[in-house]
């Protein structure tokens, strides 16, 4: 058994009266991919910041190759061979790939001029070393999120990195990009690089990890095998069984809110990669949560976008009705008048104003309703904000904090709360718990079930099959823009995925 490349013993870190780490032990072996799991506030980020030199431990030791080290800043950790790739990638979108790789260490020609040609040649070699076919002269802002992630890895490896810490690297990636990233991670591990992999996606752990450490309340709750059943991982994460994560379904289903009858969305112009809804027939009733399942590209997001009037211009053909009355859903305004609200899969990009206070984010889309005549009513706004904080248990309990400073789970609660303030009848959700920890997921599921009990109809698209099965009353399976199967109660993942892929169960 190989000796640890990196080890932490008895790490303690305090911030004022708050103890973020309480005697944490952690180690990483050469060539190992070690998954680090935990709820928001469990201590993962603090441990990551100790290893990357952002903080120094108040107590405890850090060792590399058995020798004690102490980092006063991130540069010292980098010099020691530790590189960290944060969720917010350290790349400049307006510079090309080569310039990003050599930022701060530019190659120069005689006379003090940048040697752009040489930097691009060197960049190409480094990209080709991990079989990435990207033009070094291409702007980083023009790359996909997955490609940017790999460029960030190449940049990190240019510092003679032996330990690579990756914070939620797959949060915004497609299935194909995740597979590509995992291939690169395995190759790096095979070369001896130790990787700390931080994630909320429990289903990815057995695919990529060699070992798993679970943190809870600033302590190590357990060290386990990557093939540990997900139910046991959830118990370690939140201290309660998986079957308590999903609320009981006690809602009596009412009349149909949304009705599609052989409905198709016709684009005003062709668009590659946009899977238009075709010949769809489905209903969502009052008090019902309906799930949309399907593989990547099946048309789930496109269906929600078309119902809400977002995305590419076009129009519906066939029967489209809300509460039994035909509607023309050709714009966001038309959708909102019909009582439809939509929570996108990109809360940071299109759902929230990150630099704006939580309170203002909550009320900015419903100012007209809570401020008659268009005049700002501080009293009504304060009441609406208080109501949202109470209903969704948004933390911290401070409406003046910038929403970008909140955890992923609390940001998602803000997005949901702000849509609910508009009193919709039908709520569309696209990946409602993406990047959210297990505890916050449970809170969101509870609130969605409460909203359904009040008569709200909910249509939710998710790539997490346990979420669809545990949360939804019915699951509609899409393939190539069409609904091909429907399931109610007691269905398993294998049966749903078989339908999504066009196979017999």
Foldseek 3Di string as FASTA:
>chain_A
DADFQKWWFQFWADDVPATQAGGAIDTWHWLFAEEEEAAVSLNPVVVVCCLQQVDPTPDTFMDGPRHTDTHNHNVVSLLVQEEEAAPPGPADQAAFLLCRLCPVNFDADPVGHGPVVVSQVVSVVLCVVLPHDDRRRHGNNPDDLLVSLVSSVSSSVVSVHQEYEYAASCLPPAPVSVVSVLSSSSVNSVVTRIYYYYHQPLVCQVVHGQKYWYGGNNYTLDIGGSPPDPQVNVCSHPVDGPLLLADDQDADWDAWFKFFALKWWDFPDDDPLAQTAGGATDTWTWLFEEEEDFHPSLHQLVVLCQLQQDDGFTWMDGAIDGRPHGFTRNHNVSNVVSQEAEDEPCCPPPQADQQFFLLCSQCVVPQCVQPPPSDGDVVSSVVLLVVLCVLQVQPPPDRRDGLNVGAPLNSLSSSVSSRVSSVGQEYEYEASQRNHHSVSSSSVLVSVSVNSNVTHTYYYYHHDVVCNQRRGQKYFYGGSNYTQDMDGPDDDPVCNVCSNVVHHD
